[in-house]
């Protein structure tokens, strides 16, 4: 459990980072309200909405913009969100999916905070992800055994493969948050 001082430090450091990257304090406050109303209960509290906001600012929103720009060249655009949580933080982390993609869950260089037990389910997810990436490299389509049908990404549907032990496709995940970011250009 974090102390009040730790909460204050986390919030202020994250706020400083966001304002240095183009968001005003009032826009950050507005965005946090959207996160609080949009996130599932397990993703709220302990300043996790700040973590989501930072993750979206630096990873998810630029990836969405890139996917949508790529549509001008080809309809073969696929989108995913890695959502398998690391036990140490109870959340998925940037770069963590690479250990699944390359089948290196037992690699000693993996950061402690990202380590997973390597359960049979996690190894199966790794095999599915390896198959999807290999299929995409071979054919331009990530369809792979063990994963649900992976539809193309379009601006209307925004189909996103949610990769975790029980993967699924979601249409327009986090739409209220995505729309708020698009207004913040």
C-alpha atoms as a PDB file:
ATOM      1  CA  UNK A   1       0.000   0.000   0.000  1.00  0.00           C
ATOM      2  CA  UNK A   2       1.434   3.331  -1.027  1.00  0.00           C
ATOM      3  CA  UNK A   3       1.725   6.170   1.430  1.00  0.00           C
ATOM      4  CA  UNK A   4       0.082   9.545   0.770  1.00  0.00           C
ATOM      5  CA  UNK A   5       3.510  10.957  -0.059  1.00  0.00           C
ATOM      6  CA  UNK A   6       4.136   8.188  -2.602  1.00  0.00           C
ATOM      7  CA  UNK A   7       0.716   8.853  -4.215  1.00  0.00           C
ATOM      8  CA  UNK A   8       1.469  12.571  -4.375  1.00  0.00           C
ATOM      9  CA  UNK A   9       4.914  11.961  -5.919  1.00  0.00           C
ATOM     10  CA  UNK A  10       3.575   9.517  -8.511  1.00  0.00           C
ATOM     11  CA  UNK A  11       0.755  11.831  -9.533  1.00  0.00           C
ATOM     12  CA  UNK A  12       2.999  14.883  -9.778  1.00  0.00           C
ATOM     13  CA  UNK A  13       5.764  13.108 -11.680  1.00  0.00           C
ATOM     14  CA  UNK A  14       3.261  11.676 -14.145  1.00  0.00           C
ATOM     15  CA  UNK A  15       1.507  15.018 -14.496  1.00  0.00           C
ATOM     16  CA  UNK A  16       4.835  16.737 -15.176  1.00  0.00           C
ATOM     17  CA  UNK A  17       5.658  14.142 -17.848  1.00  0.00           C
ATOM     18  CA  UNK A  18       2.288  14.594 -19.549  1.00  0.00           C
ATOM     19  CA  UNK A  19       2.426  18.378 -19.531  1.00  0.00           C
ATOM     20  CA  UNK A  20       5.965  18.305 -20.947  1.00  0.00           C
ATOM     21  CA  UNK A  21       4.526  16.245 -23.797  1.00  0.00           C
ATOM     22  CA  UNK A  22       1.885  18.685 -24.905  1.00  0.00           C
ATOM     23  CA  UNK A  23      -1.135  18.220 -22.648  1.00  0.00           C
ATOM     24  CA  UNK A  24      -2.305  21.062 -20.421  1.00  0.00           C
ATOM     25  CA  UNK A  25      -3.105  20.388 -16.765  1.00  0.00           C
ATOM     26  CA  UNK A  26      -6.805  20.987 -17.429  1.00  0.00           C
ATOM     27  CA  UNK A  27      -6.771  18.523 -20.365  1.00  0.00           C
ATOM     28  CA  UNK A  28      -5.016  15.921 -18.208  1.00  0.00           C
ATOM     29  CA  UNK A  29      -7.737  16.380 -15.566  1.00  0.00           C
ATOM     30  CA  UNK A  30     -10.450  15.975 -18.225  1.00  0.00           C
ATOM     31  CA  UNK A  31      -8.732  12.890 -19.651  1.00  0.00           C
ATOM     32  CA  UNK A  32      -8.354  11.299 -16.208  1.00  0.00           C
ATOM     33  CA  UNK A  33     -12.098  11.735 -15.652  1.00  0.00           C
ATOM     34  CA  UNK A  34     -12.720   9.878 -18.927  1.00  0.00           C
ATOM     35  CA  UNK A  35     -10.359   7.089 -17.840  1.00  0.00           C
ATOM     36  CA  UNK A  36     -12.050   6.810 -14.442  1.00  0.00           C
ATOM     37  CA  UNK A  37     -15.476   6.498 -16.061  1.00  0.00           C
ATOM     38  CA  UNK A  38     -14.290   4.095 -18.800  1.00  0.00           C
ATOM     39  CA  UNK A  39     -11.910   1.680 -17.073  1.00  0.00           C
ATOM     40  CA  UNK A  40     -13.139  -1.529 -15.451  1.00  0.00           C
ATOM     41  CA  UNK A  41     -13.027  -1.533 -11.628  1.00  0.00           C
ATOM     42  CA  UNK A  42      -9.870  -3.672 -11.517  1.00  0.00           C
ATOM     43  CA  UNK A  43      -8.004  -1.008 -13.485  1.00  0.00           C
ATOM     44  CA  UNK A  44      -8.881   1.885 -11.184  1.00  0.00           C
ATOM     45  CA  UNK A  45      -7.114   3.036  -8.047  1.00  0.00           C
ATOM     46  CA  UNK A  46      -3.472   3.209  -7.010  1.00  0.00           C
ATOM     47  CA  UNK A  47      -3.011   5.856  -9.707  1.00  0.00           C
ATOM     48  CA  UNK A  48      -3.466   3.251 -12.448  1.00  0.00           C
ATOM     49  CA  UNK A  49      -5.481   5.690 -14.545  1.00  0.00           C
ATOM     50  CA  UNK A  50      -2.269   7.732 -14.844  1.00  0.00           C
ATOM     51  CA  UNK A  51      -0.450   4.609 -16.057  1.00  0.00           C
ATOM     52  CA  UNK A  52      -3.150   4.007 -18.661  1.00  0.00           C
ATOM     53  CA  UNK A  53      -2.997   7.623 -19.760  1.00  0.00           C
ATOM     54  CA  UNK A  54       0.787   7.472 -20.185  1.00  0.00           C
ATOM     55  CA  UNK A  55       0.616   4.121 -21.983  1.00  0.00           C
ATOM     56  CA  UNK A  56      -1.976   5.484 -24.364  1.00  0.00           C
ATOM     57  CA  UNK A  57      -0.060   8.719 -24.910  1.00  0.00           C
ATOM     58  CA  UNK A  58       3.161   6.992 -25.904  1.00  0.00           C
ATOM     59  CA  UNK A  59       2.035   3.640 -27.336  1.00  0.00           C
ATOM     60  CA  UNK A  60      -1.638   2.905 -28.035  1.00  0.00           C
ATOM     61  CA  UNK A  61      -2.739   6.209 -29.582  1.00  0.00           C
ATOM     62  CA  UNK A  62       0.324   6.511 -31.867  1.00  0.00           C
ATOM     63  CA  UNK A  63      -0.240   2.872 -32.904  1.00  0.00           C
ATOM     64  CA  UNK A  64      -3.886   3.620 -33.730  1.00  0.00           C
ATOM     65  CA  UNK A  65      -2.859   6.674 -35.751  1.00  0.00           C
ATOM     66  CA  UNK A  66      -0.254   4.610 -37.609  1.00  0.00           C
ATOM     67  CA  UNK A  67      -2.757   1.822 -38.330  1.00  0.00           C
ATOM     68  CA  UNK A  68      -5.290   4.298 -39.661  1.00  0.00           C
ATOM     69  CA  UNK A  69      -2.670   6.044 -41.809  1.00  0.00           C
ATOM     70  CA  UNK A  70      -1.537   2.654 -43.140  1.00  0.00           C
ATOM     71  CA  UNK A  71      -5.089   1.989 -44.349  1.00  0.00           C
ATOM     72  CA  UNK A  72      -4.465   4.511 -47.131  1.00  0.00           C
ATOM     73  CA  UNK A  73      -1.979   2.041 -48.646  1.00  0.00           C
ATOM     74  CA  UNK A  74      -3.634  -1.301 -47.952  1.00  0.00           C
ATOM     75  CA  UNK A  75      -6.726  -2.823 -46.359  1.00  0.00           C
ATOM     76  CA  UNK A  76      -4.507  -5.512 -44.803  1.00  0.00           C
ATOM     77  CA  UNK A  77      -4.192  -3.847 -41.401  1.00  0.00           C
ATOM     78  CA  UNK A  78      -4.497  -5.851 -38.184  1.00  0.00           C
ATOM     79  CA  UNK A  79      -4.406  -4.522 -34.647  1.00  0.00           C
ATOM     80  CA  UNK A  80      -3.752  -6.135 -31.278  1.00  0.00           C
ATOM     81  CA  UNK A  81      -3.485  -5.288 -27.624  1.00  0.00           C
ATOM     82  CA  UNK A  82      -1.329  -7.490 -25.427  1.00  0.00           C
ATOM     83  CA  UNK A  83      -3.296  -7.858 -22.204  1.00  0.00           C
ATOM     84  CA  UNK A  84      -1.718 -10.751 -20.290  1.00  0.00           C
ATOM     85  CA  UNK A  85      -0.771  -9.401 -16.854  1.00  0.00           C
ATOM     86  CA  UNK A  86       2.597  -9.790 -15.190  1.00  0.00           C
ATOM     87  CA  UNK A  87       1.933 -11.104 -11.669  1.00  0.00           C
ATOM     88  CA  UNK A  88       4.236  -8.525 -10.032  1.00  0.00           C
ATOM     89  CA  UNK A  89       2.137  -5.586 -11.234  1.00  0.00           C
ATOM     90  CA  UNK A  90      -1.151  -7.227 -12.245  1.00  0.00           C
ATOM     91  CA  UNK A  91      -0.932  -5.496 -15.626  1.00  0.00           C
ATOM     92  CA  UNK A  92       0.468  -6.084 -19.077  1.00  0.00           C
ATOM     93  CA  UNK A  93       3.564  -4.073 -19.840  1.00  0.00           C
ATOM     94  CA  UNK A  94       5.180  -2.578 -22.924  1.00  0.00           C
ATOM     95  CA  UNK A  95       7.779  -4.968 -24.393  1.00  0.00           C
ATOM     96  CA  UNK A  96       6.506  -7.902 -22.309  1.00  0.00           C
ATOM     97  CA  UNK A  97       4.729  -9.379 -25.343  1.00  0.00           C
ATOM     98  CA  UNK A  98       8.078  -9.859 -27.088  1.00  0.00           C
ATOM     99  CA  UNK A  99       8.941 -12.682 -24.696  1.00  0.00           C
ATOM    100  CA  UNK A 100       5.730 -14.388 -25.821  1.00  0.00           C
ATOM    101  CA  UNK A 101       6.280 -13.611 -29.531  1.00  0.00           C
ATOM    102  CA  UNK A 102       9.785 -15.075 -29.492  1.00  0.00           C
ATOM    103  CA  UNK A 103       9.001 -17.959 -27.111  1.00  0.00           C
ATOM    104  CA  UNK A 104      11.557 -16.779 -24.551  1.00  0.00           C
ATOM    105  CA  UNK A 105       9.502 -16.857 -21.349  1.00  0.00           C
ATOM    106  CA  UNK A 106      12.418 -18.543 -19.551  1.00  0.00           C
ATOM    107  CA  UNK A 107      15.033 -16.010 -20.668  1.00  0.00           C
ATOM    108  CA  UNK A 108      17.151 -14.899 -17.694  1.00  0.00           C
ATOM    109  CA  UNK A 109      17.342 -11.315 -18.988  1.00  0.00           C
ATOM    110  CA  UNK A 110      13.608 -10.731 -18.582  1.00  0.00           C
ATOM    111  CA  UNK A 111      12.979  -8.015 -16.033  1.00  0.00           C
ATOM    112  CA  UNK A 112      11.702  -9.330 -12.704  1.00  0.00           C
ATOM    113  CA  UNK A 113       8.617  -7.135 -12.926  1.00  0.00           C
ATOM    114  CA  UNK A 114       7.646  -8.809 -16.240  1.00  0.00           C
ATOM    115  CA  UNK A 115       8.296 -12.418 -15.263  1.00  0.00           C
ATOM    116  CA  UNK A 116       5.458 -14.863 -15.644  1.00  0.00           C
ATOM    117  CA  UNK A 117       5.310 -18.376 -14.185  1.00  0.00           C
ATOM    118  CA  UNK A 118       5.402 -19.947 -17.656  1.00  0.00           C
ATOM    119  CA  UNK A 119       2.247 -21.922 -16.991  1.00  0.00           C
ATOM    120  CA  UNK A 120       0.871 -24.246 -19.686  1.00  0.00           C
ATOM    121  CA  UNK A 121      -1.661 -21.527 -20.565  1.00  0.00           C
ATOM    122  CA  UNK A 122       1.100 -18.925 -20.937  1.00  0.00           C
ATOM    123  CA  UNK A 123       3.163 -21.281 -23.093  1.00  0.00           C
ATOM    124  CA  UNK A 124       0.096 -21.897 -25.243  1.00  0.00           C
ATOM    125  CA  UNK A 125      -0.419 -18.137 -25.629  1.00  0.00           C
ATOM    126  CA  UNK A 126       3.236 -17.854 -26.649  1.00  0.00           C
ATOM    127  CA  UNK A 127       2.787 -20.580 -29.302  1.00  0.00           C
ATOM    128  CA  UNK A 128      -0.329 -18.834 -30.625  1.00  0.00           C
ATOM    129  CA  UNK A 129       1.458 -15.496 -30.827  1.00  0.00           C
ATOM    130  CA  UNK A 130       4.479 -17.034 -32.546  1.00  0.00           C
ATOM    131  CA  UNK A 131       2.166 -18.675 -35.078  1.00  0.00           C
ATOM    132  CA  UNK A 132       0.272 -15.413 -35.686  1.00  0.00           C
ATOM    133  CA  UNK A 133       3.466 -13.379 -36.220  1.00  0.00           C
ATOM    134  CA  UNK A 134       4.917 -16.073 -38.512  1.00  0.00           C
ATOM    135  CA  UNK A 135       1.673 -16.229 -40.510  1.00  0.00           C
ATOM    136  CA  UNK A 136       1.664 -12.448 -40.834  1.00  0.00           C
ATOM    137  CA  UNK A 137       5.274 -12.446 -42.051  1.00  0.00           C
ATOM    138  CA  UNK A 138       4.501 -15.202 -44.596  1.00  0.00           C
ATOM    139  CA  UNK A 139       1.098 -14.088 -45.853  1.00  0.00           C
ATOM    140  CA  UNK A 140       0.241 -10.618 -44.559  1.00  0.00           C
ATOM    141  CA  UNK A 141      -2.517 -12.130 -42.401  1.00  0.00           C
ATOM    142  CA  UNK A 142      -2.085 -13.120 -38.723  1.00  0.00           C
ATOM    143  CA  UNK A 143      -4.666 -15.933 -38.772  1.00  0.00           C
ATOM    144  CA  UNK A 144      -3.328 -18.776 -36.638  1.00  0.00           C
ATOM    145  CA  UNK A 145      -4.634 -21.925 -34.991  1.00  0.00           C
ATOM    146  CA  UNK A 146      -5.860 -21.416 -31.446  1.00  0.00           C
ATOM    147  CA  UNK A 147      -6.717 -17.744 -31.866  1.00  0.00           C
ATOM    148  CA  UNK A 148     -10.182 -16.447 -32.719  1.00  0.00           C
ATOM    149  CA  UNK A 149     -10.779 -15.243 -36.277  1.00  0.00           C
ATOM    150  CA  UNK A 150      -8.717 -12.049 -36.537  1.00  0.00           C
ATOM    151  CA  UNK A 151     -10.598  -9.475 -38.618  1.00  0.00           C
ATOM    152  CA  UNK A 152      -8.956  -6.584 -40.392  1.00  0.00           C
ATOM    153  CA  UNK A 153      -8.790  -3.233 -38.663  1.00  0.00           C
ATOM    154  CA  UNK A 154     -11.073  -0.601 -40.162  1.00  0.00           C
ATOM    155  CA  UNK A 155     -12.011   2.866 -38.866  1.00  0.00           C
ATOM    156  CA  UNK A 156     -15.630   1.734 -38.586  1.00  0.00           C
ATOM    157  CA  UNK A 157     -15.007  -1.408 -36.552  1.00  0.00           C
ATOM    158  CA  UNK A 158     -11.507  -0.985 -35.084  1.00  0.00           C
ATOM    159  CA  UNK A 159     -11.317  -4.764 -34.545  1.00  0.00           C
ATOM    160  CA  UNK A 160      -8.585  -5.466 -31.997  1.00  0.00           C
ATOM    161  CA  UNK A 161      -7.265  -8.873 -30.970  1.00  0.00           C
ATOM    162  CA  UNK A 162      -6.951  -8.833 -27.189  1.00  0.00           C
ATOM    163  CA  UNK A 163      -4.066 -11.223 -26.586  1.00  0.00           C
ATOM    164  CA  UNK A 164      -4.147 -13.034 -23.278  1.00  0.00           C
ATOM    165  CA  UNK A 165      -4.663 -16.595 -22.052  1.00  0.00           C
ATOM    166  CA  UNK A 166      -8.214 -16.477 -23.424  1.00  0.00           C
ATOM    167  CA  UNK A 167      -7.757 -14.182 -26.398  1.00  0.00           C
ATOM    168  CA  UNK A 168     -10.735 -12.465 -27.987  1.00  0.00           C
ATOM    169  CA  UNK A 169     -11.571  -9.827 -30.557  1.00  0.00           C
ATOM    170  CA  UNK A 170     -13.096  -6.549 -29.399  1.00  0.00           C
ATOM    171  CA  UNK A 171     -14.573  -3.912 -31.622  1.00  0.00           C
ATOM    172  CA  UNK A 172     -13.676  -0.336 -30.681  1.00  0.00           C
ATOM    173  CA  UNK A 173     -12.037  -1.119 -27.318  1.00  0.00           C
ATOM    174  CA  UNK A 174     -11.626   1.946 -25.147  1.00  0.00           C
ATOM    175  CA  UNK A 175     -13.584   4.029 -27.654  1.00  0.00           C
ATOM    176  CA  UNK A 176     -14.370   6.943 -25.320  1.00  0.00           C
ATOM    177  CA  UNK A 177     -10.688   7.212 -24.452  1.00  0.00           C
ATOM    178  CA  UNK A 178      -9.569   6.928 -28.109  1.00  0.00           C
ATOM    179  CA  UNK A 179     -12.054   9.608 -29.173  1.00  0.00           C
ATOM    180  CA  UNK A 180     -10.849  11.941 -26.410  1.00  0.00           C
ATOM    181  CA  UNK A 181      -7.251  11.544 -27.595  1.00  0.00           C
ATOM    182  CA  UNK A 182      -8.249  12.272 -31.165  1.00  0.00           C
ATOM    183  CA  UNK A 183      -9.813  15.541 -29.952  1.00  0.00           C
ATOM    184  CA  UNK A 184      -6.500  16.387 -28.214  1.00  0.00           C
ATOM    185  CA  UNK A 185      -4.446  16.582 -31.407  1.00  0.00           C
END
